[in-house]
Amino acid sequence: MPKLTDKEIRAWIKSGERFEGKADGNGLYLRFREIDRIPSWRFRYKLAGKSRTMNLGTYADLSLANLNIW
């Protein structure tokens, strides 16, 4: 079940709040650091026992609803 909502994310963007990662669950998280112009989606997973991170795209390009169909 998703932990983040579009309303919550839009409020963070509007307020200018920055963060390294806000988790949505199952490895999916949103990152919006000081150096980022726009929030981006990332996915954490393990492969052969090693932690990996995959960039999925920006919040503007990928809706939360589309990402949660995985």
PDB file of N, CA and C in Angstrom:
ATOM      1  N   MET A   1       0.846  -1.181   0.000  1.00  0.00           N
ATOM      2  CA  MET A   1       0.000   0.000   0.000  1.00  0.00           C
ATOM      3  C   MET A   1       0.889   1.242   0.000  1.00  0.00           C
ATOM      4  N   PRO A   2       0.600   2.193  -0.877  1.00  0.00           N
ATOM      5  CA  PRO A   2       1.423   3.409  -0.964  1.00  0.00           C
ATOM      6  C   PRO A   2       1.342   4.244   0.312  1.00  0.00           C
ATOM      7  N   LYS A   3       2.451   4.853   0.642  1.00  0.00           N
ATOM      8  CA  LYS A   3       2.506   5.720   1.819  1.00  0.00           C
ATOM      9  C   LYS A   3       2.422   7.192   1.438  1.00  0.00           C
ATOM     10  N   LEU A   4       2.840   7.532   0.227  1.00  0.00           N
ATOM     11  CA  LEU A   4       2.828   8.921  -0.227  1.00  0.00           C
ATOM     12  C   LEU A   4       1.556   9.209  -1.016  1.00  0.00           C
ATOM     13  N   THR A   5       1.151  10.472  -1.009  1.00  0.00           N
ATOM     14  CA  THR A   5       0.017  10.900  -1.829  1.00  0.00           C
ATOM     15  C   THR A   5       0.466  12.058  -2.714  1.00  0.00           C
ATOM     16  N   ASP A   6      -0.225  12.218  -3.848  1.00  0.00           N
ATOM     17  CA  ASP A   6       0.107  13.338  -4.733  1.00  0.00           C
ATOM     18  C   ASP A   6      -0.089  14.674  -4.023  1.00  0.00           C
ATOM     19  N   LYS A   7      -1.115  14.762  -3.195  1.00  0.00           N
ATOM     20  CA  LYS A   7      -1.382  15.999  -2.456  1.00  0.00           C
ATOM     21  C   LYS A   7      -0.208  16.341  -1.537  1.00  0.00           C
ATOM     22  N   GLU A   8       0.300  15.342  -0.845  1.00  0.00           N
ATOM     23  CA  GLU A   8       1.429  15.518   0.063  1.00  0.00           C
ATOM     24  C   GLU A   8       2.685  15.948  -0.710  1.00  0.00           C
ATOM     25  N   ILE A   9       2.944  15.303  -1.832  1.00  0.00           N
ATOM     26  CA  ILE A   9       4.124  15.617  -2.647  1.00  0.00           C
ATOM     27  C   ILE A   9       4.042  17.037  -3.192  1.00  0.00           C
ATOM     28  N   ARG A  10       2.882  17.421  -3.711  1.00  0.00           N
ATOM     29  CA  ARG A  10       2.718  18.787  -4.241  1.00  0.00           C
ATOM     30  C   ARG A  10       2.929  19.830  -3.144  1.00  0.00           C
ATOM     31  N   ALA A  11       2.487  19.528  -1.922  1.00  0.00           N
ATOM     32  CA  ALA A  11       2.682  20.451  -0.792  1.00  0.00           C
ATOM     33  C   ALA A  11       4.169  20.608  -0.477  1.00  0.00           C
ATOM     34  N   TRP A  12       4.941  19.515  -0.519  1.00  0.00           N
ATOM     35  CA  TRP A  12       6.391  19.599  -0.279  1.00  0.00           C
ATOM     36  C   TRP A  12       7.061  20.465  -1.329  1.00  0.00           C
ATOM     37  N   ILE A  13       6.687  20.257  -2.579  1.00  0.00           N
ATOM     38  CA  ILE A  13       7.291  21.028  -3.673  1.00  0.00           C
ATOM     39  C   ILE A  13       6.968  22.509  -3.508  1.00  0.00           C
ATOM     40  N   LYS A  14       5.707  22.803  -3.229  1.00  0.00           N
ATOM     41  CA  LYS A  14       5.274  24.193  -3.077  1.00  0.00           C
ATOM     42  C   LYS A  14       5.976  24.883  -1.910  1.00  0.00           C
ATOM     43  N   SER A  15       6.169  24.152  -0.814  1.00  0.00           N
ATOM     44  CA  SER A  15       6.804  24.744   0.370  1.00  0.00           C
ATOM     45  C   SER A  15       8.316  24.874   0.220  1.00  0.00           C
ATOM     46  N   GLY A  16       8.877  24.170  -0.760  1.00  0.00           N
ATOM     47  CA  GLY A  16      10.324  24.209  -0.959  1.00  0.00           C
ATOM     48  C   GLY A  16      11.080  23.231  -0.078  1.00  0.00           C
ATOM     49  N   GLU A  17      10.346  22.352   0.613  1.00  0.00           N
ATOM     50  CA  GLU A  17      10.995  21.360   1.475  1.00  0.00           C
ATOM     51  C   GLU A  17      11.873  20.437   0.632  1.00  0.00           C
ATOM     52  N   ARG A  18      13.092  20.211   1.096  1.00  0.00           N
ATOM     53  CA  ARG A  18      14.025  19.326   0.394  1.00  0.00           C
ATOM     54  C   ARG A  18      14.331  18.124   1.274  1.00  0.00           C
ATOM     55  N   PHE A  19      14.597  16.989   0.649  1.00  0.00           N
ATOM     56  CA  PHE A  19      14.860  15.768   1.398  1.00  0.00           C
ATOM     57  C   PHE A  19      15.640  14.788   0.537  1.00  0.00           C
ATOM     58  N   GLU A  20      16.365  13.916   1.207  1.00  0.00           N
ATOM     59  CA  GLU A  20      17.141  12.884   0.505  1.00  0.00           C
ATOM     60  C   GLU A  20      16.226  11.777   0.001  1.00  0.00           C
ATOM     61  N   GLY A  21      15.212  11.455   0.753  1.00  0.00           N
ATOM     62  CA  GLY A  21      14.296  10.416   0.296  1.00  0.00           C
ATOM     63  C   GLY A  21      13.068  10.291   1.172  1.00  0.00           C
ATOM     64  N   LYS A  22      11.912  10.190   0.533  1.00  0.00           N
ATOM     65  CA  LYS A  22      10.649   9.916   1.221  1.00  0.00           C
ATOM     66  C   LYS A  22      10.130   8.609   0.624  1.00  0.00           C
ATOM     67  N   ALA A  23      10.053   7.569   1.441  1.00  0.00           N
ATOM     68  CA  ALA A  23       9.709   6.231   0.966  1.00  0.00           C
ATOM     69  C   ALA A  23       8.216   6.066   0.734  1.00  0.00           C
ATOM     70  N   ASP A  24       7.897   5.350  -0.350  1.00  0.00           N
ATOM     71  CA  ASP A  24       6.523   4.986  -0.644  1.00  0.00           C
ATOM     72  C   ASP A  24       6.283   3.502  -0.367  1.00  0.00           C
ATOM     73  N   GLY A  25       7.326   2.766  -0.159  1.00  0.00           N
ATOM     74  CA  GLY A  25       7.205   1.339   0.125  1.00  0.00           C
ATOM     75  C   GLY A  25       7.747   0.483  -1.004  1.00  0.00           C
ATOM     76  N   ASN A  26       8.141  -0.730  -0.661  1.00  0.00           N
ATOM     77  CA  ASN A  26       8.673  -1.701  -1.627  1.00  0.00           C
ATOM     78  C   ASN A  26       9.841  -1.174  -2.446  1.00  0.00           C
ATOM     79  N   GLY A  27      10.670  -0.327  -1.843  1.00  0.00           N
ATOM     80  CA  GLY A  27      11.871   0.171  -2.512  1.00  0.00           C
ATOM     81  C   GLY A  27      11.699   1.460  -3.288  1.00  0.00           C
ATOM     82  N   LEU A  28      10.471   1.898  -3.495  1.00  0.00           N
ATOM     83  CA  LEU A  28      10.210   3.128  -4.249  1.00  0.00           C
ATOM     84  C   LEU A  28      10.311   4.334  -3.322  1.00  0.00           C
ATOM     85  N   TYR A  29      11.038   5.367  -3.764  1.00  0.00           N
ATOM     86  CA  TYR A  29      11.096   6.590  -2.972  1.00  0.00           C
ATOM     87  C   TYR A  29      11.296   7.810  -3.858  1.00  0.00           C
ATOM     88  N   LEU A  30      10.944   8.957  -3.306  1.00  0.00           N
ATOM     89  CA  LEU A  30      11.067  10.237  -3.996  1.00  0.00           C
ATOM     90  C   LEU A  30      12.221  11.004  -3.377  1.00  0.00           C
ATOM     91  N   ARG A  31      13.085  11.562  -4.217  1.00  0.00           N
ATOM     92  CA  ARG A  31      14.240  12.334  -3.738  1.00  0.00           C
ATOM     93  C   ARG A  31      14.136  13.754  -4.284  1.00  0.00           C
ATOM     94  N   PHE A  32      14.366  14.730  -3.394  1.00  0.00           N
ATOM     95  CA  PHE A  32      14.314  16.143  -3.777  1.00  0.00           C
ATOM     96  C   PHE A  32      15.356  16.879  -2.949  1.00  0.00           C
ATOM     97  N   ARG A  33      16.597  16.821  -3.408  1.00  0.00           N
ATOM     98  CA  ARG A  33      17.711  17.427  -2.676  1.00  0.00           C
ATOM     99  C   ARG A  33      17.865  18.905  -3.031  1.00  0.00           C
ATOM    100  N   GLU A  34      18.716  19.590  -2.285  1.00  0.00           N
ATOM    101  CA  GLU A  34      18.984  21.014  -2.521  1.00  0.00           C
ATOM    102  C   GLU A  34      19.475  21.272  -3.948  1.00  0.00           C
ATOM    103  N   ILE A  35      20.260  20.354  -4.498  1.00  0.00           N
ATOM    104  CA  ILE A  35      20.811  20.572  -5.841  1.00  0.00           C
ATOM    105  C   ILE A  35      19.841  20.177  -6.957  1.00  0.00           C
ATOM    106  N   ASP A  36      18.727  19.537  -6.613  1.00  0.00           N
ATOM    107  CA  ASP A  36      17.757  19.100  -7.620  1.00  0.00           C
ATOM    108  C   ASP A  36      16.776  20.219  -7.957  1.00  0.00           C
ATOM    109  N   ARG A  37      16.481  20.337  -9.237  1.00  0.00           N
ATOM    110  CA  ARG A  37      15.483  21.323  -9.666  1.00  0.00           C
ATOM    111  C   ARG A  37      14.072  20.756  -9.568  1.00  0.00           C
ATOM    112  N   ILE A  38      13.962  19.455  -9.683  1.00  0.00           N
ATOM    113  CA  ILE A  38      12.659  18.796  -9.649  1.00  0.00           C
ATOM    114  C   ILE A  38      12.816  17.448  -8.934  1.00  0.00           C
ATOM    115  N   PRO A  39      11.820  17.010  -8.176  1.00  0.00           N
ATOM    116  CA  PRO A  39      11.924  15.724  -7.483  1.00  0.00           C
ATOM    117  C   PRO A  39      12.036  14.566  -8.475  1.00  0.00           C
ATOM    118  N   SER A  40      12.719  13.516  -8.062  1.00  0.00           N
ATOM    119  CA  SER A  40      12.864  12.350  -8.935  1.00  0.00           C
ATOM    120  C   SER A  40      12.550  11.068  -8.171  1.00  0.00           C
ATOM    121  N   TRP A  41      12.012  10.111  -8.919  1.00  0.00           N
ATOM    122  CA  TRP A  41      11.695   8.806  -8.372  1.00  0.00           C
ATOM    123  C   TRP A  41      12.896   7.885  -8.494  1.00  0.00           C
ATOM    124  N   ARG A  42      13.121   7.106  -7.437  1.00  0.00           N
ATOM    125  CA  ARG A  42      14.216   6.134  -7.438  1.00  0.00           C
ATOM    126  C   ARG A  42      13.688   4.819  -6.866  1.00  0.00           C
ATOM    127  N   PHE A  43      14.359   3.748  -7.233  1.00  0.00           N
ATOM    128  CA  PHE A  43      13.963   2.425  -6.780  1.00  0.00           C
ATOM    129  C   PHE A  43      15.179   1.707  -6.218  1.00  0.00           C
ATOM    130  N   ARG A  44      15.081   1.261  -4.968  1.00  0.00           N
ATOM    131  CA  ARG A  44      16.165   0.514  -4.311  1.00  0.00           C
ATOM    132  C   ARG A  44      15.841  -0.975  -4.370  1.00  0.00           C
ATOM    133  N   TYR A  45      16.857  -1.761  -4.700  1.00  0.00           N
ATOM    134  CA  TYR A  45      16.677  -3.205  -4.755  1.00  0.00           C
ATOM    135  C   TYR A  45      18.019  -3.889  -4.508  1.00  0.00           C
ATOM    136  N   LYS A  46      17.987  -5.193  -4.338  1.00  0.00           N
ATOM    137  CA  LYS A  46      19.218  -5.966  -4.163  1.00  0.00           C
ATOM    138  C   LYS A  46      19.353  -6.933  -5.328  1.00  0.00           C
ATOM    139  N   LEU A  47      20.579  -7.050  -5.806  1.00  0.00           N
ATOM    140  CA  LEU A  47      20.901  -7.984  -6.875  1.00  0.00           C
ATOM    141  C   LEU A  47      22.193  -8.681  -6.479  1.00  0.00           C
ATOM    142  N   ALA A  48      22.150  -9.989  -6.397  1.00  0.00           N
ATOM    143  CA  ALA A  48      23.307 -10.784  -5.983  1.00  0.00           C
ATOM    144  C   ALA A  48      23.858 -10.305  -4.636  1.00  0.00           C
ATOM    145  N   GLY A  49      22.939  -9.923  -3.733  1.00  0.00           N
ATOM    146  CA  GLY A  49      23.337  -9.504  -2.400  1.00  0.00           C
ATOM    147  C   GLY A  49      23.849  -8.082  -2.284  1.00  0.00           C
ATOM    148  N   LYS A  50      23.906  -7.349  -3.399  1.00  0.00           N
ATOM    149  CA  LYS A  50      24.393  -5.965  -3.370  1.00  0.00           C
ATOM    150  C   LYS A  50      23.228  -4.995  -3.554  1.00  0.00           C
ATOM    151  N   SER A  51      23.241  -3.922  -2.762  1.00  0.00           N
ATOM    152  CA  SER A  51      22.211  -2.890  -2.896  1.00  0.00           C
ATOM    153  C   SER A  51      22.432  -2.092  -4.166  1.00  0.00           C
ATOM    154  N   ARG A  52      21.356  -1.835  -4.862  1.00  0.00           N
ATOM    155  CA  ARG A  52      21.390  -1.061  -6.106  1.00  0.00           C
ATOM    156  C   ARG A  52      20.304   0.006  -6.050  1.00  0.00           C
ATOM    157  N   THR A  53      20.483   1.042  -6.856  1.00  0.00           N
ATOM    158  CA  THR A  53      19.474   2.092  -6.987  1.00  0.00           C
ATOM    159  C   THR A  53      19.264   2.383  -8.461  1.00  0.00           C
ATOM    160  N   MET A  54      18.002   2.452  -8.863  1.00  0.00           N
ATOM    161  CA  MET A  54      17.646   2.739 -10.242  1.00  0.00           C
ATOM    162  C   MET A  54      16.879   4.059 -10.289  1.00  0.00           C
ATOM    163  N   ASN A  55      17.308   4.975 -11.156  1.00  0.00           N
ATOM    164  CA  ASN A  55      16.563   6.211 -11.372  1.00  0.00           C
ATOM    165  C   ASN A  55      15.413   5.901 -12.318  1.00  0.00           C
ATOM    166  N   LEU A  56      14.202   6.277 -11.927  1.00  0.00           N
ATOM    167  CA  LEU A  56      13.025   5.981 -12.735  1.00  0.00           C
ATOM    168  C   LEU A  56      12.551   7.168 -13.558  1.00  0.00           C
ATOM    169  N   GLY A  57      12.779   8.374 -13.076  1.00  0.00           N
ATOM    170  CA  GLY A  57      12.345   9.574 -13.782  1.00  0.00           C
ATOM    171  C   GLY A  57      11.879  10.631 -12.801  1.00  0.00           C
ATOM    172  N   THR A  58      11.447  11.749 -13.337  1.00  0.00           N
ATOM    173  CA  THR A  58      11.037  12.862 -12.485  1.00  0.00           C
ATOM    174  C   THR A  58       9.577  12.735 -12.061  1.00  0.00           C
ATOM    175  N   TYR A  59       9.241  13.436 -11.000  1.00  0.00           N
ATOM    176  CA  TYR A  59       7.862  13.466 -10.524  1.00  0.00           C
ATOM    177  C   TYR A  59       6.942  14.029 -11.604  1.00  0.00           C
ATOM    178  N   ALA A  60       7.432  14.995 -12.371  1.00  0.00           N
ATOM    179  CA  ALA A  60       6.623  15.603 -13.430  1.00  0.00           C
ATOM    180  C   ALA A  60       6.320  14.607 -14.551  1.00  0.00           C
ATOM    181  N   ASP A  61       7.236  13.671 -14.798  1.00  0.00           N
ATOM    182  CA  ASP A  61       7.071  12.714 -15.898  1.00  0.00           C
ATOM    183  C   ASP A  61       6.322  11.446 -15.501  1.00  0.00           C
ATOM    184  N   LEU A  62       6.428  11.051 -14.252  1.00  0.00           N
ATOM    185  CA  LEU A  62       5.822   9.802 -13.789  1.00  0.00           C
ATOM    186  C   LEU A  62       4.901  10.067 -12.610  1.00  0.00           C
ATOM    187  N   SER A  63       3.636   9.753 -12.780  1.00  0.00           N
ATOM    188  CA  SER A  63       2.692   9.974 -11.685  1.00  0.00           C
ATOM    189  C   SER A  63       2.842   8.882 -10.633  1.00  0.00           C
ATOM    190  N   LEU A  64       2.460   9.200  -9.443  1.00  0.00           N
ATOM    191  CA  LEU A  64       2.508   8.247  -8.342  1.00  0.00           C
ATOM    192  C   LEU A  64       1.612   7.045  -8.652  1.00  0.00           C
ATOM    193  N   ALA A  65       0.465   7.280  -9.250  1.00  0.00           N
ATOM    194  CA  ALA A  65      -0.454   6.189  -9.594  1.00  0.00           C
ATOM    195  C   ALA A  65       0.185   5.219 -10.582  1.00  0.00           C
ATOM    196  N   ASN A  66       0.892   5.731 -11.578  1.00  0.00           N
ATOM    197  CA  ASN A  66       1.550   4.858 -12.554  1.00  0.00           C
ATOM    198  C   ASN A  66       2.660   4.039 -11.920  1.00  0.00           C
ATOM    199  N   LEU A  67       3.380   4.605 -10.991  1.00  0.00           N
ATOM    200  CA  LEU A  67       4.477   3.889 -10.348  1.00  0.00           C
ATOM    201  C   LEU A  67       3.979   2.800  -9.415  1.00  0.00           C
ATOM    202  N   ASN A  68       2.817   2.963  -8.852  1.00  0.00           N
ATOM    203  CA  ASN A  68       2.307   1.989  -7.884  1.00  0.00           C
ATOM    204  C   ASN A  68       1.610   0.798  -8.524  1.00  0.00           C
ATOM    205  N   ILE A  69       1.602   0.699  -9.843  1.00  0.00           N
ATOM    206  CA  ILE A  69       1.019  -0.481 -10.483  1.00  0.00           C
ATOM    207  C   ILE A  69       2.016  -1.621 -10.567  1.00  0.00           C
ATOM    208  N   TRP A  70       3.265  -1.372 -10.225  1.00  0.00           N
ATOM    209  CA  TRP A  70       4.282  -2.430 -10.282  1.00  0.00           C
ATOM    210  C   TRP A  70       3.898  -3.499  -9.349  1.00  0.00           C
TER     211      TRP A  70
END
